[in-house]
Amino acid sequence: MSVTIYHNPRCGKSRATLALLEKKGVRPRVVEYLKTPPDKAELKRLLALLGMTPRALLRAKEAKEAGLDRAELSDDAIIAGMVAHPIVIERPIVVSGSRAAIGRPPEAVLKIL
């Protein structure tokens, strides 16, 4: 089964999650999502796999800086903001088959392997 990690190499949790996967013998496909941001369709797929709303996938500080923390924003507006400003997306996201998890803490991804 293929595993993908949406990774930010500057993030300690993301680096720790990648290291944990590799320690477990998993060689994931690494997507540096700041260089290759997910599009609207991919974000919707990730949200469905995670069972989360777009607002729940926002990083608070970065969302505020990007103006995406306003209560009146619709899910579609938040997703559009994530596409435009991928730094607001919580990380890392690991996808294994039809399951996904956020690596906070890194061990949280082990349940989907």
PDB file of N, CA and C in Angstrom:
ATOM      1  N   MET A   1       0.841  -1.178   0.000  1.00  0.00           N
ATOM      2  CA  MET A   1       0.000   0.000   0.000  1.00  0.00           C
ATOM      3  C   MET A   1       0.884   1.239   0.000  1.00  0.00           C
ATOM      4  N   SER A   2       0.537   2.200  -0.822  1.00  0.00           N
ATOM      5  CA  SER A   2       1.346   3.411  -0.882  1.00  0.00           C
ATOM      6  C   SER A   2       0.946   4.373   0.225  1.00  0.00           C
ATOM      7  N   VAL A   3       1.928   5.094   0.711  1.00  0.00           N
ATOM      8  CA  VAL A   3       1.742   6.084   1.770  1.00  0.00           C
ATOM      9  C   VAL A   3       2.278   7.411   1.250  1.00  0.00           C
ATOM     10  N   THR A   4       1.543   8.471   1.514  1.00  0.00           N
ATOM     11  CA  THR A   4       1.944   9.822   1.120  1.00  0.00           C
ATOM     12  C   THR A   4       1.968  10.693   2.357  1.00  0.00           C
ATOM     13  N   ILE A   5       2.985  11.546   2.458  1.00  0.00           N
ATOM     14  CA  ILE A   5       3.038  12.530   3.527  1.00  0.00           C
ATOM     15  C   ILE A   5       3.079  13.920   2.905  1.00  0.00           C
ATOM     16  N   TYR A   6       2.151  14.761   3.345  1.00  0.00           N
ATOM     17  CA  TYR A   6       2.152  16.166   2.960  1.00  0.00           C
ATOM     18  C   TYR A   6       3.032  16.842   4.004  1.00  0.00           C
ATOM     19  N   HIS A   7       4.207  17.246   3.574  1.00  0.00           N
ATOM     20  CA  HIS A   7       5.331  17.532   4.444  1.00  0.00           C
ATOM     21  C   HIS A   7       5.835  18.958   4.295  1.00  0.00           C
ATOM     22  N   ASN A   8       6.248  19.525   5.426  1.00  0.00           N
ATOM     23  CA  ASN A   8       6.960  20.808   5.445  1.00  0.00           C
ATOM     24  C   ASN A   8       8.279  20.537   6.151  1.00  0.00           C
ATOM     25  N   PRO A   9       9.393  20.514   5.429  1.00  0.00           N
ATOM     26  CA  PRO A   9      10.670  20.168   6.046  1.00  0.00           C
ATOM     27  C   PRO A   9      11.127  21.141   7.121  1.00  0.00           C
ATOM     28  N   ARG A  10      10.532  22.315   7.205  1.00  0.00           N
ATOM     29  CA  ARG A  10      10.896  23.278   8.243  1.00  0.00           C
ATOM     30  C   ARG A  10      10.125  23.048   9.549  1.00  0.00           C
ATOM     31  N   CYS A  11       9.160  22.143   9.535  1.00  0.00           N
ATOM     32  CA  CYS A  11       8.310  21.866  10.696  1.00  0.00           C
ATOM     33  C   CYS A  11       8.850  20.661  11.467  1.00  0.00           C
ATOM     34  N   GLY A  12       9.072  20.844  12.751  1.00  0.00           N
ATOM     35  CA  GLY A  12       9.595  19.762  13.590  1.00  0.00           C
ATOM     36  C   GLY A  12       8.678  18.554  13.643  1.00  0.00           C
ATOM     37  N   LYS A  13       7.372  18.751  13.772  1.00  0.00           N
ATOM     38  CA  LYS A  13       6.422  17.629  13.813  1.00  0.00           C
ATOM     39  C   LYS A  13       6.412  16.887  12.487  1.00  0.00           C
ATOM     40  N   SER A  14       6.531  17.626  11.405  1.00  0.00           N
ATOM     41  CA  SER A  14       6.543  17.003  10.092  1.00  0.00           C
ATOM     42  C   SER A  14       7.811  16.166   9.916  1.00  0.00           C
ATOM     43  N   ARG A  15       8.948  16.710  10.311  1.00  0.00           N
ATOM     44  CA  ARG A  15      10.202  15.945  10.232  1.00  0.00           C
ATOM     45  C   ARG A  15      10.147  14.710  11.118  1.00  0.00           C
ATOM     46  N   ALA A  16       9.591  14.855  12.332  1.00  0.00           N
ATOM     47  CA  ALA A  16       9.493  13.715  13.259  1.00  0.00           C
ATOM     48  C   ALA A  16       8.563  12.639  12.711  1.00  0.00           C
ATOM     49  N   THR A  17       7.475  13.043  12.077  1.00  0.00           N
ATOM     50  CA  THR A  17       6.543  12.078  11.498  1.00  0.00           C
ATOM     51  C   THR A  17       7.190  11.327  10.347  1.00  0.00           C
ATOM     52  N   LEU A  18       7.902  12.036   9.484  1.00  0.00           N
ATOM     53  CA  LEU A  18       8.597  11.388   8.382  1.00  0.00           C
ATOM     54  C   LEU A  18       9.637  10.405   8.915  1.00  0.00           C
ATOM     55  N   ALA A  19      10.388  10.817   9.938  1.00  0.00           N
ATOM     56  CA  ALA A  19      11.394   9.930  10.528  1.00  0.00           C
ATOM     57  C   ALA A  19      10.748   8.690  11.136  1.00  0.00           C
ATOM     58  N   LEU A  20       9.605   8.852  11.788  1.00  0.00           N
ATOM     59  CA  LEU A  20       8.891   7.720  12.383  1.00  0.00           C
ATOM     60  C   LEU A  20       8.440   6.735  11.300  1.00  0.00           C
ATOM     61  N   LEU A  21       7.894   7.263  10.216  1.00  0.00           N
ATOM     62  CA  LEU A  21       7.472   6.397   9.112  1.00  0.00           C
ATOM     63  C   LEU A  21       8.662   5.606   8.578  1.00  0.00           C
ATOM     64  N   GLU A  22       9.764   6.284   8.365  1.00  0.00           N
ATOM     65  CA  GLU A  22      10.951   5.619   7.824  1.00  0.00           C
ATOM     66  C   GLU A  22      11.496   4.584   8.812  1.00  0.00           C
ATOM     67  N   LYS A  23      11.435   4.886  10.101  1.00  0.00           N
ATOM     68  CA  LYS A  23      11.883   3.936  11.126  1.00  0.00           C
ATOM     69  C   LYS A  23      11.028   2.668  11.098  1.00  0.00           C
ATOM     70  N   LYS A  24       9.754   2.826  10.757  1.00  0.00           N
ATOM     71  CA  LYS A  24       8.835   1.683  10.667  1.00  0.00           C
ATOM     72  C   LYS A  24       8.948   0.960   9.324  1.00  0.00           C
ATOM     73  N   GLY A  25       9.878   1.387   8.487  1.00  0.00           N
ATOM     74  CA  GLY A  25      10.081   0.731   7.200  1.00  0.00           C
ATOM     75  C   GLY A  25       9.188   1.238   6.090  1.00  0.00           C
ATOM     76  N   VAL A  26       8.495   2.323   6.331  1.00  0.00           N
ATOM     77  CA  VAL A  26       7.595   2.902   5.326  1.00  0.00           C
ATOM     78  C   VAL A  26       8.378   3.949   4.536  1.00  0.00           C
ATOM     79  N   ARG A  27       8.327   3.828   3.235  1.00  0.00           N
ATOM     80  CA  ARG A  27       8.973   4.803   2.362  1.00  0.00           C
ATOM     81  C   ARG A  27       7.867   5.610   1.676  1.00  0.00           C
ATOM     82  N   PRO A  28       7.427   6.684   2.310  1.00  0.00           N
ATOM     83  CA  PRO A  28       6.298   7.428   1.753  1.00  0.00           C
ATOM     84  C   PRO A  28       6.695   8.292   0.556  1.00  0.00           C
ATOM     85  N   ARG A  29       5.696   8.572  -0.242  1.00  0.00           N
ATOM     86  CA  ARG A  29       5.847   9.608  -1.270  1.00  0.00           C
ATOM     87  C   ARG A  29       5.759  10.926  -0.516  1.00  0.00           C
ATOM     88  N   VAL A  30       6.753  11.762  -0.666  1.00  0.00           N
ATOM     89  CA  VAL A  30       6.812  13.026   0.065  1.00  0.00           C
ATOM     90  C   VAL A  30       6.344  14.156  -0.843  1.00  0.00           C
ATOM     91  N   VAL A  31       5.304  14.854  -0.393  1.00  0.00           N
ATOM     92  CA  VAL A  31       4.796  16.014  -1.120  1.00  0.00           C
ATOM     93  C   VAL A  31       5.099  17.237  -0.260  1.00  0.00           C
ATOM     94  N   GLU A  32       6.021  18.047  -0.714  1.00  0.00           N
ATOM     95  CA  GLU A  32       6.289  19.308  -0.020  1.00  0.00           C
ATOM     96  C   GLU A  32       5.182  20.276  -0.442  1.00  0.00           C
ATOM     97  N   TYR A  33       4.144  20.333   0.381  1.00  0.00           N
ATOM     98  CA  TYR A  33       2.921  21.015  -0.030  1.00  0.00           C
ATOM     99  C   TYR A  33       3.065  22.518  -0.158  1.00  0.00           C
ATOM    100  N   LEU A  34       4.135  23.104   0.360  1.00  0.00           N
ATOM    101  CA  LEU A  34       4.346  24.534   0.138  1.00  0.00           C
ATOM    102  C   LEU A  34       4.901  24.782  -1.267  1.00  0.00           C
ATOM    103  N   LYS A  35       5.632  23.799  -1.806  1.00  0.00           N
ATOM    104  CA  LYS A  35       6.156  23.899  -3.169  1.00  0.00           C
ATOM    105  C   LYS A  35       5.135  23.408  -4.189  1.00  0.00           C
ATOM    106  N   THR A  36       4.363  22.389  -3.806  1.00  0.00           N
ATOM    107  CA  THR A  36       3.351  21.794  -4.676  1.00  0.00           C
ATOM    108  C   THR A  36       2.040  21.742  -3.896  1.00  0.00           C
ATOM    109  N   PRO A  37       1.344  22.876  -3.797  1.00  0.00           N
ATOM    110  CA  PRO A  37       0.118  22.911  -2.995  1.00  0.00           C
ATOM    111  C   PRO A  37      -0.985  22.028  -3.580  1.00  0.00           C
ATOM    112  N   PRO A  38      -1.766  21.416  -2.695  1.00  0.00           N
ATOM    113  CA  PRO A  38      -2.914  20.651  -3.187  1.00  0.00           C
ATOM    114  C   PRO A  38      -3.947  21.595  -3.793  1.00  0.00           C
ATOM    115  N   ASP A  39      -4.618  21.114  -4.836  1.00  0.00           N
ATOM    116  CA  ASP A  39      -5.682  21.918  -5.425  1.00  0.00           C
ATOM    117  C   ASP A  39      -6.982  21.691  -4.652  1.00  0.00           C
ATOM    118  N   LYS A  40      -8.025  22.348  -5.081  1.00  0.00           N
ATOM    119  CA  LYS A  40      -9.324  22.268  -4.401  1.00  0.00           C
ATOM    120  C   LYS A  40      -9.819  20.828  -4.285  1.00  0.00           C
ATOM    121  N   ALA A  41      -9.728  20.066  -5.372  1.00  0.00           N
ATOM    122  CA  ALA A  41     -10.211  18.680  -5.362  1.00  0.00           C
ATOM    123  C   ALA A  41      -9.400  17.828  -4.384  1.00  0.00           C
ATOM    124  N   GLU A  42      -8.084  18.008  -4.380  1.00  0.00           N
ATOM    125  CA  GLU A  42      -7.243  17.231  -3.475  1.00  0.00           C
ATOM    126  C   GLU A  42      -7.516  17.601  -2.020  1.00  0.00           C
ATOM    127  N   LEU A  43      -7.709  18.879  -1.742  1.00  0.00           N
ATOM    128  CA  LEU A  43      -8.044  19.285  -0.375  1.00  0.00           C
ATOM    129  C   LEU A  43      -9.363  18.672   0.081  1.00  0.00           C
ATOM    130  N   LYS A  44     -10.354  18.666  -0.795  1.00  0.00           N
ATOM    131  CA  LYS A  44     -11.643  18.063  -0.439  1.00  0.00           C
ATOM    132  C   LYS A  44     -11.486  16.568  -0.176  1.00  0.00           C
ATOM    133  N   ARG A  45     -10.651  15.905  -0.965  1.00  0.00           N
ATOM    134  CA  ARG A  45     -10.387  14.474  -0.760  1.00  0.00           C
ATOM    135  C   ARG A  45      -9.703  14.256   0.585  1.00  0.00           C
ATOM    136  N   LEU A  46      -8.700  15.073   0.892  1.00  0.00           N
ATOM    137  CA  LEU A  46      -7.993  14.943   2.174  1.00  0.00           C
ATOM    138  C   LEU A  46      -8.935  15.192   3.347  1.00  0.00           C
ATOM    139  N   LEU A  47      -9.766  16.204   3.240  1.00  0.00           N
ATOM    140  CA  LEU A  47     -10.729  16.507   4.306  1.00  0.00           C
ATOM    141  C   LEU A  47     -11.686  15.340   4.519  1.00  0.00           C
ATOM    142  N   ALA A  48     -12.150  14.730   3.433  1.00  0.00           N
ATOM    143  CA  ALA A  48     -13.051  13.578   3.554  1.00  0.00           C
ATOM    144  C   ALA A  48     -12.340  12.411   4.233  1.00  0.00           C
ATOM    145  N   LEU A  49     -11.100  12.138   3.830  1.00  0.00           N
ATOM    146  CA  LEU A  49     -10.344  11.046   4.448  1.00  0.00           C
ATOM    147  C   LEU A  49     -10.092  11.308   5.929  1.00  0.00           C
ATOM    148  N   LEU A  50      -9.843  12.565   6.260  1.00  0.00           N
ATOM    149  CA  LEU A  50      -9.589  12.934   7.657  1.00  0.00           C
ATOM    150  C   LEU A  50     -10.871  13.016   8.479  1.00  0.00           C
ATOM    151  N   GLY A  51     -12.011  13.177   7.793  1.00  0.00           N
ATOM    152  CA  GLY A  51     -13.275  13.371   8.499  1.00  0.00           C
ATOM    153  C   GLY A  51     -13.323  14.720   9.198  1.00  0.00           C
ATOM    154  N   MET A  52     -12.753  15.734   8.547  1.00  0.00           N
ATOM    155  CA  MET A  52     -12.647  17.066   9.151  1.00  0.00           C
ATOM    156  C   MET A  52     -13.328  18.112   8.274  1.00  0.00           C
ATOM    157  N   THR A  53     -13.657  19.228   8.911  1.00  0.00           N
ATOM    158  CA  THR A  53     -14.126  20.394   8.177  1.00  0.00           C
ATOM    159  C   THR A  53     -12.910  21.216   7.766  1.00  0.00           C
ATOM    160  N   PRO A  54     -13.062  22.049   6.756  1.00  0.00           N
ATOM    161  CA  PRO A  54     -11.934  22.899   6.361  1.00  0.00           C
ATOM    162  C   PRO A  54     -11.420  23.760   7.528  1.00  0.00           C
ATOM    163  N   ARG A  55     -12.327  24.301   8.307  1.00  0.00           N
ATOM    164  CA  ARG A  55     -11.922  25.156   9.434  1.00  0.00           C
ATOM    165  C   ARG A  55     -11.069  24.380  10.442  1.00  0.00           C
ATOM    166  N   ALA A  56     -11.371  23.108  10.650  1.00  0.00           N
ATOM    167  CA  ALA A  56     -10.624  22.287  11.609  1.00  0.00           C
ATOM    168  C   ALA A  56      -9.206  21.984  11.126  1.00  0.00           C
ATOM    169  N   LEU A  57      -8.966  22.126   9.824  1.00  0.00           N
ATOM    170  CA  LEU A  57      -7.645  21.841   9.263  1.00  0.00           C
ATOM    171  C   LEU A  57      -6.769  23.087   9.185  1.00  0.00           C
ATOM    172  N   LEU A  58      -7.273  24.204   9.665  1.00  0.00           N
ATOM    173  CA  LEU A  58      -6.507  25.451   9.643  1.00  0.00           C
ATOM    174  C   LEU A  58      -5.559  25.545  10.831  1.00  0.00           C
ATOM    175  N   ARG A  59      -4.380  26.070  10.581  1.00  0.00           N
ATOM    176  CA  ARG A  59      -3.442  26.438  11.644  1.00  0.00           C
ATOM    177  C   ARG A  59      -3.863  27.833  12.105  1.00  0.00           C
ATOM    178  N   ALA A  60      -4.130  27.992  13.394  1.00  0.00           N
ATOM    179  CA  ALA A  60      -4.741  29.217  13.918  1.00  0.00           C
ATOM    180  C   ALA A  60      -3.954  30.482  13.590  1.00  0.00           C
ATOM    181  N   LYS A  61      -2.688  30.511  13.919  1.00  0.00           N
ATOM    182  CA  LYS A  61      -1.889  31.726  13.715  1.00  0.00           C
ATOM    183  C   LYS A  61      -1.814  32.102  12.237  1.00  0.00           C
ATOM    184  N   GLU A  62      -1.498  31.121  11.401  1.00  0.00           N
ATOM    185  CA  GLU A  62      -1.365  31.375   9.976  1.00  0.00           C
ATOM    186  C   GLU A  62      -2.705  31.745   9.340  1.00  0.00           C
ATOM    187  N   ALA A  63      -3.793  31.109   9.815  1.00  0.00           N
ATOM    188  CA  ALA A  63      -5.124  31.437   9.290  1.00  0.00           C
ATOM    189  C   ALA A  63      -5.495  32.876   9.620  1.00  0.00           C
ATOM    190  N   LYS A  64      -5.165  33.306  10.828  1.00  0.00           N
ATOM    191  CA  LYS A  64      -5.447  34.692  11.214  1.00  0.00           C
ATOM    192  C   LYS A  64      -4.664  35.665  10.341  1.00  0.00           C
ATOM    193  N   GLU A  65      -3.386  35.352  10.127  1.00  0.00           N
ATOM    194  CA  GLU A  65      -2.547  36.218   9.295  1.00  0.00           C
ATOM    195  C   GLU A  65      -3.061  36.300   7.863  1.00  0.00           C
ATOM    196  N   ALA A  66      -3.658  35.221   7.366  1.00  0.00           N
ATOM    197  CA  ALA A  66      -4.178  35.186   5.997  1.00  0.00           C
ATOM    198  C   ALA A  66      -5.629  35.659   5.909  1.00  0.00           C
ATOM    199  N   GLY A  67      -6.240  36.014   7.045  1.00  0.00           N
ATOM    200  CA  GLY A  67      -7.626  36.465   7.052  1.00  0.00           C
ATOM    201  C   GLY A  67      -8.637  35.350   6.895  1.00  0.00           C
ATOM    202  N   LEU A  68      -8.216  34.107   7.193  1.00  0.00           N
ATOM    203  CA  LEU A  68      -9.113  32.962   7.027  1.00  0.00           C
ATOM    204  C   LEU A  68      -9.767  32.518   8.336  1.00  0.00           C
ATOM    205  N   ASP A  69      -9.610  33.298   9.379  1.00  0.00           N
ATOM    206  CA  ASP A  69     -10.189  32.942  10.675  1.00  0.00           C
ATOM    207  C   ASP A  69     -11.552  33.586  10.901  1.00  0.00           C
ATOM    208  N   ARG A  70     -12.061  34.306   9.921  1.00  0.00           N
ATOM    209  CA  ARG A  70     -13.343  34.994  10.087  1.00  0.00           C
ATOM    210  C   ARG A  70     -14.493  33.984  10.089  1.00  0.00           C
ATOM    211  N   ALA A  71     -15.378  34.111  11.063  1.00  0.00           N
ATOM    212  CA  ALA A  71     -16.470  33.159  11.271  1.00  0.00           C
ATOM    213  C   ALA A  71     -17.422  33.066  10.087  1.00  0.00           C
ATOM    214  N   GLU A  72     -17.562  34.138   9.332  1.00  0.00           N
ATOM    215  CA  GLU A  72     -18.541  34.143   8.243  1.00  0.00           C
ATOM    216  C   GLU A  72     -18.055  33.432   6.979  1.00  0.00           C
ATOM    217  N   LEU A  73     -16.806  33.025   6.939  1.00  0.00           N
ATOM    218  CA  LEU A  73     -16.293  32.354   5.746  1.00  0.00           C
ATOM    219  C   LEU A  73     -16.914  30.971   5.569  1.00  0.00           C
ATOM    220  N   SER A  74     -17.311  30.684   4.345  1.00  0.00           N
ATOM    221  CA  SER A  74     -17.876  29.369   4.023  1.00  0.00           C
ATOM    222  C   SER A  74     -16.747  28.348   3.876  1.00  0.00           C
ATOM    223  N   ASP A  75     -17.118  27.073   3.862  1.00  0.00           N
ATOM    224  CA  ASP A  75     -16.121  26.020   3.642  1.00  0.00           C
ATOM    225  C   ASP A  75     -15.404  26.226   2.311  1.00  0.00           C
ATOM    226  N   ASP A  76     -16.148  26.579   1.268  1.00  0.00           N
ATOM    227  CA  ASP A  76     -15.528  26.796  -0.040  1.00  0.00           C
ATOM    228  C   ASP A  76     -14.541  27.957  -0.002  1.00  0.00           C
ATOM    229  N   ALA A  77     -14.863  29.009   0.730  1.00  0.00           N
ATOM    230  CA  ALA A  77     -13.957  30.151   0.847  1.00  0.00           C
ATOM    231  C   ALA A  77     -12.692  29.762   1.610  1.00  0.00           C
ATOM    232  N   ILE A  78     -12.849  28.942   2.632  1.00  0.00           N
ATOM    233  CA  ILE A  78     -11.682  28.486   3.391  1.00  0.00           C
ATOM    234  C   ILE A  78     -10.796  27.598   2.517  1.00  0.00           C
ATOM    235  N   ILE A  79     -11.412  26.700   1.761  1.00  0.00           N
ATOM    236  CA  ILE A  79     -10.637  25.838   0.861  1.00  0.00           C
ATOM    237  C   ILE A  79      -9.908  26.679  -0.180  1.00  0.00           C
ATOM    238  N   ALA A  80     -10.571  27.668  -0.739  1.00  0.00           N
ATOM    239  CA  ALA A  80      -9.910  28.559  -1.704  1.00  0.00           C
ATOM    240  C   ALA A  80      -8.729  29.269  -1.044  1.00  0.00           C
ATOM    241  N   GLY A  81      -8.897  29.661   0.208  1.00  0.00           N
ATOM    242  CA  GLY A  81      -7.802  30.292   0.946  1.00  0.00           C
ATOM    243  C   GLY A  81      -6.649  29.335   1.188  1.00  0.00           C
ATOM    244  N   MET A  82      -6.966  28.063   1.434  1.00  0.00           N
ATOM    245  CA  MET A  82      -5.921  27.055   1.620  1.00  0.00           C
ATOM    246  C   MET A  82      -5.129  26.845   0.332  1.00  0.00           C
ATOM    247  N   VAL A  83      -5.815  26.862  -0.794  1.00  0.00           N
ATOM    248  CA  VAL A  83      -5.148  26.710  -2.079  1.00  0.00           C
ATOM    249  C   VAL A  83      -4.218  27.909  -2.315  1.00  0.00           C
ATOM    250  N   ALA A  84      -4.701  29.102  -1.992  1.00  0.00           N
ATOM    251  CA  ALA A  84      -3.913  30.312  -2.210  1.00  0.00           C
ATOM    252  C   ALA A  84      -2.781  30.473  -1.195  1.00  0.00           C
ATOM    253  N   HIS A  85      -3.000  29.984   0.023  1.00  0.00           N
ATOM    254  CA  HIS A  85      -2.032  30.147   1.119  1.00  0.00           C
ATOM    255  C   HIS A  85      -1.829  28.794   1.813  1.00  0.00           C
ATOM    256  N   PRO A  86      -1.124  27.858   1.200  1.00  0.00           N
ATOM    257  CA  PRO A  86      -1.011  26.509   1.772  1.00  0.00           C
ATOM    258  C   PRO A  86      -0.355  26.465   3.153  1.00  0.00           C
ATOM    259  N   ILE A  87       0.325  27.524   3.564  1.00  0.00           N
ATOM    260  CA  ILE A  87       0.943  27.551   4.890  1.00  0.00           C
ATOM    261  C   ILE A  87      -0.109  27.443   5.995  1.00  0.00           C
ATOM    262  N   VAL A  88      -1.367  27.727   5.680  1.00  0.00           N
ATOM    263  CA  VAL A  88      -2.423  27.669   6.699  1.00  0.00           C
ATOM    264  C   VAL A  88      -2.895  26.247   6.987  1.00  0.00           C
ATOM    265  N   ILE A  89      -2.482  25.281   6.155  1.00  0.00           N
ATOM    266  CA  ILE A  89      -2.930  23.895   6.305  1.00  0.00           C
ATOM    267  C   ILE A  89      -2.152  23.212   7.427  1.00  0.00           C
ATOM    268  N   GLU A  90      -2.876  22.564   8.339  1.00  0.00           N
ATOM    269  CA  GLU A  90      -2.219  21.809   9.415  1.00  0.00           C
ATOM    270  C   GLU A  90      -1.369  20.719   8.808  1.00  0.00           C
ATOM    271  N   ARG A  91      -0.271  20.427   9.480  1.00  0.00           N
ATOM    272  CA  ARG A  91       0.682  19.459   8.950  1.00  0.00           C
ATOM    273  C   ARG A  91       1.277  18.624  10.052  1.00  0.00           C
ATOM    274  N   PRO A  92       1.867  17.525   9.691  1.00  0.00           N
ATOM    275  CA  PRO A  92       1.840  16.846   8.403  1.00  0.00           C
ATOM    276  C   PRO A  92       0.572  16.017   8.261  1.00  0.00           C
ATOM    277  N   ILE A  93       0.171  15.783   7.048  1.00  0.00           N
ATOM    278  CA  ILE A  93      -0.948  14.890   6.765  1.00  0.00           C
ATOM    279  C   ILE A  93      -0.361  13.637   6.113  1.00  0.00           C
ATOM    280  N   VAL A  94      -0.723  12.481   6.635  1.00  0.00           N
ATOM    281  CA  VAL A  94      -0.268  11.209   6.075  1.00  0.00           C
ATOM    282  C   VAL A  94      -1.488  10.469   5.550  1.00  0.00           C
ATOM    283  N   VAL A  95      -1.371   9.976   4.320  1.00  0.00           N
ATOM    284  CA  VAL A  95      -2.449   9.225   3.685  1.00  0.00           C
ATOM    285  C   VAL A  95      -1.934   7.821   3.388  1.00  0.00           C
ATOM    286  N   SER A  96      -2.721   6.839   3.803  1.00  0.00           N
ATOM    287  CA  SER A  96      -2.416   5.441   3.539  1.00  0.00           C
ATOM    288  C   SER A  96      -3.692   4.785   3.038  1.00  0.00           C
ATOM    289  N   GLY A  97      -3.730   4.501   1.742  1.00  0.00           N
ATOM    290  CA  GLY A  97      -4.942   3.918   1.170  1.00  0.00           C
ATOM    291  C   GLY A  97      -6.114   4.873   1.291  1.00  0.00           C
ATOM    292  N   SER A  98      -7.174   4.420   1.942  1.00  0.00           N
ATOM    293  CA  SER A  98      -8.380   5.248   2.094  1.00  0.00           C
ATOM    294  C   SER A  98      -8.459   5.888   3.474  1.00  0.00           C
ATOM    295  N   ARG A  99      -7.326   5.978   4.146  1.00  0.00           N
ATOM    296  CA  ARG A  99      -7.295   6.569   5.489  1.00  0.00           C
ATOM    297  C   ARG A  99      -6.249   7.675   5.546  1.00  0.00           C
ATOM    298  N   ALA A 100      -6.470   8.631   6.438  1.00  0.00           N
ATOM    299  CA  ALA A 100      -5.527   9.736   6.604  1.00  0.00           C
ATOM    300  C   ALA A 100      -5.491  10.137   8.067  1.00  0.00           C
ATOM    301  N   ALA A 101      -4.374  10.729   8.474  1.00  0.00           N
ATOM    302  CA  ALA A 101      -4.212  11.217   9.837  1.00  0.00           C
ATOM    303  C   ALA A 101      -3.241  12.384   9.824  1.00  0.00           C
ATOM    304  N   ILE A 102      -3.395  13.233  10.819  1.00  0.00           N
ATOM    305  CA  ILE A 102      -2.462  14.339  11.014  1.00  0.00           C
ATOM    306  C   ILE A 102      -1.425  13.886  12.036  1.00  0.00           C
ATOM    307  N   GLY A 103      -0.178  14.140  11.750  1.00  0.00           N
ATOM    308  CA  GLY A 103       0.917  13.709  12.613  1.00  0.00           C
ATOM    309  C   GLY A 103       1.156  14.623  13.791  1.00  0.00           C
ATOM    310  N   ARG A 104       0.160  14.852  14.589  1.00  0.00           N
ATOM    311  CA  ARG A 104       0.256  15.653  15.818  1.00  0.00           C
ATOM    312  C   ARG A 104      -0.461  14.898  16.912  1.00  0.00           C
ATOM    313  N   PRO A 105       0.240  14.130  17.683  1.00  0.00           N
ATOM    314  CA  PRO A 105       1.674  13.854  17.670  1.00  0.00           C
ATOM    315  C   PRO A 105       2.020  12.916  16.520  1.00  0.00           C
ATOM    316  N   PRO A 106       3.301  12.791  16.195  1.00  0.00           N
ATOM    317  CA  PRO A 106       3.690  11.930  15.077  1.00  0.00           C
ATOM    318  C   PRO A 106       3.128  10.506  15.167  1.00  0.00           C
ATOM    319  N   GLU A 107       3.036   9.954  16.362  1.00  0.00           N
ATOM    320  CA  GLU A 107       2.543   8.596  16.541  1.00  0.00           C
ATOM    321  C   GLU A 107       1.088   8.419  16.100  1.00  0.00           C
ATOM    322  N   ALA A 108       0.358   9.515  15.935  1.00  0.00           N
ATOM    323  CA  ALA A 108      -1.038   9.433  15.517  1.00  0.00           C
ATOM    324  C   ALA A 108      -1.187   8.793  14.141  1.00  0.00           C
ATOM    325  N   VAL A 109      -0.142   8.866  13.328  1.00  0.00           N
ATOM    326  CA  VAL A 109      -0.247   8.297  11.974  1.00  0.00           C
ATOM    327  C   VAL A 109      -0.114   6.774  11.974  1.00  0.00           C
ATOM    328  N   LEU A 110       0.394   6.206  13.028  1.00  0.00           N
ATOM    329  CA  LEU A 110       0.594   4.760  13.062  1.00  0.00           C
ATOM    330  C   LEU A 110      -0.719   3.991  12.967  1.00  0.00           C
ATOM    331  N   LYS A 111      -1.822   4.580  13.435  1.00  0.00           N
ATOM    332  CA  LYS A 111      -3.112   3.893  13.415  1.00  0.00           C
ATOM    333  C   LYS A 111      -3.662   3.671  12.011  1.00  0.00           C
ATOM    334  N   ILE A 112      -3.129   4.375  11.018  1.00  0.00           N
ATOM    335  CA  ILE A 112      -3.645   4.206   9.641  1.00  0.00           C
ATOM    336  C   ILE A 112      -2.747   3.330   8.781  1.00  0.00           C
ATOM    337  N   LEU A 113      -1.636   2.889   9.327  1.00  0.00           N
ATOM    338  CA  LEU A 113      -0.708   2.062   8.532  1.00  0.00           C
ATOM    339  C   LEU A 113      -1.130   0.624   8.511  1.00  0.00           C
TER     340      LEU A 113
END
